[in-house]
């Protein structure tokens, strides 16, 4: 990393902290549990996506099994997949019984919604009314423009949801300048929740293409297929490297004022590869 030796040392220390507070996002596929058990240490948070096609059941089932194995497992509970208040209470009871104390609440992509909840804020408010049953509640941030919502509105939404949430997970972003600018903007708007920066892990092109063809319904995979130019970054040789993204992010990600609590790694179920990459980068930063 550029700059003085002291600056490089500071950046390395900051990135080690981010890599040590990593979250792995996985898809609830048939082999996911075995992959997590084989490759992910128990101190790494595992988040499990949900899709409109499969519904919440595969997510809740996998989260329960991972929690039983000793993981801090975090379900995605999209508002637009909840049928009604009774369904929300059923989900809350099931997760609490499994020992889950952390949920991620996006709006979700179901169109039309399964019930009365058309966005995350009503669900977050209802969880507060239910006595805040989870110690940690995550919401989505959008460093790059949302295809349907103006940038200022997405930041306003974070402001509206801040009283009901404990952290933000930023959506996938490949531009370190955009990412740094976004963090600065939300801090200037007095959004002080800690941010987990969303980055794509090291992706093998053939496996990603096979996953997109085979599954095609996970939030992560659908996100890529809906953003063709971003998908090309993965399938073009030399087109994407998480190392380069982090190195170019520099102080925008590691400065204390940024409030970045860790990395949220989109694994696309290439879980072994993600953990090998993390361990290798930690080793390099320690040299």
Protein backbone atom coordinates (compact mmCIF):
# COMPACT_ATOMS: atom_id res chain seq x y z
CA UNK A 1 0.00 0.00 0.00
CA UNK A 2 1.27 3.47 -0.81
CA UNK A 3 2.47 6.03 1.70
CA UNK A 4 4.95 6.09 4.55
CA UNK A 5 6.00 3.02 6.49
CA UNK A 6 3.88 4.26 9.41
CA UNK A 7 0.93 4.71 7.08
CA UNK A 8 1.37 1.24 5.59
CA UNK A 9 1.59 -0.25 9.08
CA UNK A 10 -1.57 1.57 10.11
CA UNK A 11 -3.44 0.35 7.00
CA UNK A 12 -2.26 -3.22 7.59
CA UNK A 13 -3.44 -3.10 11.19
CA UNK A 14 -6.80 -1.76 10.06
CA UNK A 15 -7.25 -4.41 7.38
CA UNK A 16 -6.26 -7.19 9.79
CA UNK A 17 -9.03 -5.97 12.08
CA UNK A 18 -11.56 -5.98 9.22
CA UNK A 19 -10.54 -9.48 8.12
CA UNK A 20 -10.77 -10.72 11.69
CA UNK A 21 -14.37 -9.45 11.90
CA UNK A 22 -15.51 -11.09 8.69
CA UNK A 23 -19.00 -12.33 7.83
CA UNK A 24 -19.52 -14.95 5.11
CA UNK A 25 -22.75 -14.78 3.12
CA UNK A 26 -23.84 -18.19 1.81
CA UNK A 27 -26.74 -19.59 -0.18
CA UNK A 28 -28.90 -22.32 1.42
CA UNK A 29 -27.98 -25.08 -1.02
CA UNK A 30 -27.75 -28.83 -0.39
CA UNK A 31 -23.99 -28.84 0.28
CA UNK A 32 -23.70 -25.54 2.15
CA UNK A 33 -23.75 -26.99 5.67
CA UNK A 34 -20.94 -29.44 4.89
CA UNK A 35 -18.84 -26.68 3.30
CA UNK A 36 -19.24 -24.40 6.29
CA UNK A 37 -18.36 -27.17 8.74
CA UNK A 38 -15.30 -28.14 6.72
CA UNK A 39 -13.85 -24.69 6.15
CA UNK A 40 -15.27 -21.96 8.38
CA UNK A 41 -13.97 -21.39 11.93
CA UNK A 42 -16.64 -21.10 14.63
CA UNK A 43 -15.71 -17.49 15.34
CA UNK A 44 -16.68 -16.40 11.81
CA UNK A 45 -20.25 -15.16 11.36
CA UNK A 46 -22.23 -16.96 8.64
CA UNK A 47 -25.21 -15.21 7.05
CA UNK A 48 -27.75 -17.16 5.00
CA UNK A 49 -29.68 -15.60 2.13
CA UNK A 50 -33.36 -16.09 1.28
CA UNK A 51 -35.07 -15.97 -2.09
CA UNK A 52 -38.61 -15.35 -3.36
CA UNK A 53 -38.53 -18.68 -5.22
CA UNK A 54 -37.61 -20.92 -2.28
CA UNK A 55 -39.06 -18.79 0.50
CA UNK A 56 -37.80 -18.58 4.06
CA UNK A 57 -37.87 -22.27 5.01
CA UNK A 58 -34.46 -23.30 3.57
CA UNK A 59 -32.89 -20.26 5.24
CA UNK A 60 -34.42 -20.91 8.65
CA UNK A 61 -33.58 -24.60 8.45
CA UNK A 62 -29.91 -24.02 7.61
CA UNK A 63 -29.53 -21.28 10.21
CA UNK A 64 -30.93 -23.59 12.88
CA UNK A 65 -28.49 -26.35 11.95
CA UNK A 66 -25.49 -24.01 11.85
CA UNK A 67 -26.45 -22.51 15.21
CA UNK A 68 -26.62 -26.02 16.65
CA UNK A 69 -23.03 -26.52 15.44
CA UNK A 70 -21.92 -23.47 17.40
CA UNK A 71 -21.89 -20.83 14.68
CA UNK A 72 -23.27 -17.34 15.00
CA UNK A 73 -25.67 -17.84 12.12
CA UNK A 74 -27.61 -14.86 10.76
CA UNK A 75 -30.73 -15.37 8.66
CA UNK A 76 -31.81 -12.94 5.97
CA UNK A 77 -35.47 -12.23 6.71
CA UNK A 78 -36.74 -10.21 3.73
CA UNK A 79 -39.81 -8.17 4.63
CA UNK A 80 -41.55 -9.04 1.37
CA UNK A 81 -41.41 -12.77 2.18
CA UNK A 82 -43.39 -12.39 5.41
CA UNK A 83 -47.08 -13.20 4.98
CA UNK A 84 -48.40 -11.31 7.99
CA UNK A 85 -47.76 -10.46 11.63
CA UNK A 86 -48.44 -14.04 12.72
CA UNK A 87 -45.80 -15.28 10.28
CA UNK A 88 -43.28 -12.77 11.64
CA UNK A 89 -43.95 -13.91 15.20
CA UNK A 90 -43.56 -17.55 14.11
CA UNK A 91 -40.18 -16.75 12.54
CA UNK A 92 -39.06 -14.85 15.64
CA UNK A 93 -40.05 -17.71 17.96
CA UNK A 94 -38.32 -20.29 15.79
CA UNK A 95 -35.08 -18.32 15.62
CA UNK A 96 -35.05 -17.52 19.32
CA UNK A 97 -35.63 -21.19 20.12
CA UNK A 98 -32.58 -22.00 17.99
CA UNK A 99 -30.50 -19.50 19.97
CA UNK A 100 -30.22 -16.98 17.13
CA UNK A 101 -29.64 -13.41 18.34
CA UNK A 102 -28.84 -11.65 15.05
CA UNK A 103 -31.04 -11.10 11.98
CA UNK A 104 -30.57 -9.20 8.72
CA UNK A 105 -33.75 -7.51 7.46
CA UNK A 106 -33.71 -6.34 3.82
CA UNK A 107 -36.83 -5.37 1.90
CA UNK A 108 -36.35 -8.33 -0.45
CA UNK A 109 -37.25 -8.85 -4.07
CA UNK A 110 -40.57 -10.70 -3.91
CA UNK A 111 -42.95 -9.06 -6.39
CA UNK A 112 -45.68 -8.90 -5.35
CA UNK A 113 -44.95 -9.16 -1.62
CA UNK A 114 -46.18 -12.26 0.16
CA UNK A 115 -48.22 -10.09 2.52
CA UNK A 116 -48.60 -6.66 4.09
CA UNK A 117 -44.89 -5.85 4.56
CA UNK A 118 -43.58 -4.07 1.46
CA UNK A 119 -40.35 -2.79 3.00
CA UNK A 120 -37.94 -3.35 5.86
CA UNK A 121 -38.99 -0.44 8.07
CA UNK A 122 -42.44 -1.81 9.05
CA UNK A 123 -40.82 -5.13 10.02
CA UNK A 124 -38.14 -3.37 12.04
CA UNK A 125 -40.77 -1.32 13.86
CA UNK A 126 -42.77 -4.45 14.59
CA UNK A 127 -39.69 -6.19 16.00
CA UNK A 128 -39.19 -3.23 18.33
CA UNK A 129 -42.83 -3.49 19.41
CA UNK A 130 -42.26 -7.19 20.11
CA UNK A 131 -39.59 -6.23 22.63
CA UNK A 132 -36.55 -6.27 20.36
CA UNK A 133 -36.10 -10.06 20.50
CA UNK A 134 -32.69 -9.96 18.75
CA UNK A 135 -29.57 -8.34 20.16
CA UNK A 136 -28.34 -7.50 16.66
CA UNK A 137 -30.40 -6.35 13.69
CA UNK A 138 -28.85 -5.51 10.33
CA UNK A 139 -30.10 -3.34 7.48
CA UNK A 140 -28.93 -2.77 3.91
CA UNK A 141 -26.81 0.10 2.57
CA UNK A 142 -26.35 0.95 -1.13
CA UNK A 143 -22.94 2.40 -2.04
CA UNK A 144 -23.85 2.25 -5.74
CA UNK A 145 -27.18 3.50 -7.02
CA UNK A 146 -30.21 1.31 -6.48
CA UNK A 147 -31.93 0.64 -9.83
CA UNK A 148 -35.29 1.88 -8.50
CA UNK A 149 -34.52 4.24 -5.61
CA UNK A 150 -32.70 7.61 -5.62
CA UNK A 151 -29.43 7.65 -3.67
CA UNK A 152 -30.63 10.28 -1.19
CA UNK A 153 -33.71 8.17 -0.47
CA UNK A 154 -31.62 5.10 0.34
CA UNK A 155 -29.57 7.13 2.82
CA UNK A 156 -32.77 8.63 4.25
CA UNK A 157 -34.09 5.09 4.68
CA UNK A 158 -31.03 4.24 6.76
CA UNK A 159 -31.76 7.30 8.90
CA UNK A 160 -35.37 6.18 9.35
CA UNK A 161 -34.32 2.62 10.27
CA UNK A 162 -31.41 3.50 12.54
CA UNK A 163 -33.45 3.45 15.76
CA UNK A 164 -34.44 -0.17 15.10
CA UNK A 165 -31.10 -1.54 13.81
CA UNK A 166 -27.63 -2.10 15.21
CA UNK A 167 -25.53 -2.31 12.03
CA UNK A 168 -25.49 -1.78 8.25
CA UNK A 169 -24.32 -4.23 5.58
CA UNK A 170 -23.33 -2.48 2.37
CA UNK A 171 -24.37 -4.03 -0.89
CA UNK A 172 -21.77 -5.26 -3.34
CA UNK A 173 -19.50 -2.53 -4.70
CA UNK A 174 -16.44 -2.79 -6.95
CA UNK A 175 -15.30 0.84 -6.87
CA UNK A 176 -13.28 1.80 -3.76
CA UNK A 177 -13.78 5.51 -4.46
CA UNK A 178 -17.56 5.14 -4.59
CA UNK A 179 -17.46 3.02 -1.44
CA UNK A 180 -15.38 5.58 0.45
CA UNK A 181 -17.58 8.46 -0.71
CA UNK A 182 -20.70 6.60 0.41
CA UNK A 183 -19.31 5.94 3.89
CA UNK A 184 -18.47 9.64 4.17
CA UNK A 185 -21.96 10.66 3.03
CA UNK A 186 -23.80 8.52 5.55
CA UNK A 187 -21.54 9.76 8.36
CA UNK A 188 -22.23 13.37 7.35
CA UNK A 189 -25.94 12.54 7.62
CA UNK A 190 -25.29 11.39 11.21
CA UNK A 191 -25.93 7.73 10.46
CA UNK A 192 -23.57 6.29 13.07
CA UNK A 193 -24.36 2.58 12.90
CA UNK A 194 -21.29 0.39 12.30
CA UNK A 195 -20.89 -0.70 8.69
CA UNK A 196 -19.91 -4.15 7.44
CA UNK A 197 -18.52 -3.53 3.97
CA UNK A 198 -19.85 -5.90 1.33
CA UNK A 199 -17.13 -7.33 -0.92
CA UNK A 200 -17.08 -10.29 -3.26
CA UNK A 201 -14.71 -13.03 -2.28
CA UNK A 202 -12.27 -14.67 -4.70
CA UNK A 203 -14.46 -16.30 -7.31
CA UNK A 204 -13.57 -19.10 -9.70
CA UNK A 205 -15.33 -18.21 -12.93
CA UNK A 206 -16.41 -21.73 -13.88
CA UNK A 207 -17.92 -22.35 -10.43
CA UNK A 208 -19.74 -19.01 -10.45
CA UNK A 209 -21.25 -19.70 -13.87
CA UNK A 210 -22.28 -23.20 -12.78
CA UNK A 211 -23.87 -21.82 -9.63
CA UNK A 212 -25.75 -19.12 -11.53
CA UNK A 213 -27.09 -21.73 -13.93
CA UNK A 214 -27.89 -24.35 -11.30
CA UNK A 215 -29.39 -22.18 -8.55
CA UNK A 216 -30.21 -18.81 -10.05
CA UNK A 217 -32.51 -17.91 -7.16
CA UNK A 218 -30.23 -16.76 -4.34
CA UNK A 219 -30.12 -13.04 -3.67
CA UNK A 220 -26.39 -12.90 -4.38
CA UNK A 221 -26.58 -14.79 -7.66
CA UNK A 222 -29.63 -12.87 -8.84
CA UNK A 223 -27.90 -9.63 -7.91
CA UNK A 224 -25.07 -10.45 -10.28
CA UNK A 225 -27.25 -11.61 -13.16
CA UNK A 226 -29.25 -8.38 -12.92
CA UNK A 227 -26.02 -6.35 -13.16
CA UNK A 228 -24.41 -7.76 -16.29
CA UNK A 229 -21.46 -5.34 -16.26
CA UNK A 230 -20.61 -6.46 -12.72
CA UNK A 231 -20.95 -10.12 -13.65
CA UNK A 232 -18.37 -9.54 -16.39
CA UNK A 233 -15.88 -8.41 -13.76
CA UNK A 234 -15.88 -11.97 -12.45
CA UNK A 235 -15.84 -13.90 -15.70
CA UNK A 236 -13.16 -11.76 -17.39
CA UNK A 237 -9.61 -12.92 -16.55
CA UNK A 238 -8.01 -10.36 -14.25
CA UNK A 239 -11.29 -8.49 -13.98
CA UNK A 240 -11.70 -8.58 -10.20
CA UNK A 241 -9.53 -9.07 -7.16
CA UNK A 242 -10.72 -8.49 -3.59
CA UNK A 243 -7.10 -7.69 -2.66
CA UNK A 244 -7.02 -4.78 -5.11
CA UNK A 245 -10.36 -3.46 -3.91
CA UNK A 246 -9.20 -3.42 -0.29
CA UNK A 247 -5.78 -1.97 -1.10
CA UNK A 248 -7.32 0.88 -3.09
CA UNK A 249 -9.89 1.48 -0.36
CA UNK A 250 -7.10 2.39 2.06
CA UNK A 251 -8.00 4.82 4.80
CA UNK A 252 -11.55 5.22 3.50
CA UNK A 253 -12.19 1.79 5.02
CA UNK A 254 -9.74 1.69 7.92
CA UNK A 255 -10.00 5.20 9.39
CA UNK A 256 -11.71 5.18 12.80
CA UNK A 257 -14.09 7.90 11.59
CA UNK A 258 -15.41 5.54 8.88
CA UNK A 259 -16.89 3.22 11.50
CA UNK A 260 -16.29 0.12 9.38
CA UNK A 261 -16.71 -2.86 11.72
CA UNK A 262 -15.65 -5.63 9.34
CA UNK A 263 -16.09 -7.23 5.94
CA UNK A 264 -19.23 -8.94 4.67
CA UNK A 265 -17.95 -11.39 2.06
CA UNK A 266 -20.30 -12.55 -0.68
CA UNK A 267 -18.96 -16.10 -1.14
CA UNK A 268 -21.36 -17.33 -3.87
CA UNK A 269 -20.88 -20.62 -1.98
CA UNK A 270 -17.18 -20.74 -2.82
CA UNK A 271 -16.63 -21.04 0.89
CA UNK A 272 -13.30 -22.88 0.98
CA UNK A 273 -11.82 -20.38 -1.47
CA UNK A 274 -13.05 -17.43 0.62
CA UNK A 275 -11.48 -18.76 3.81
CA UNK A 276 -8.17 -19.62 2.07
CA UNK A 277 -8.04 -16.09 0.67
CA UNK A 278 -8.76 -14.53 4.07
CA UNK A 279 -6.11 -16.61 5.83
CA UNK A 280 -3.50 -15.92 3.15
CA UNK A 281 -4.16 -12.17 3.26
CA UNK A 282 -3.99 -12.14 7.06
CA UNK A 283 -0.65 -13.91 6.85
CA UNK A 284 0.69 -11.38 4.31
CA UNK A 285 -0.47 -8.44 6.41
CA UNK A 286 1.33 -9.89 9.42
CA UNK A 287 4.70 -10.05 7.64
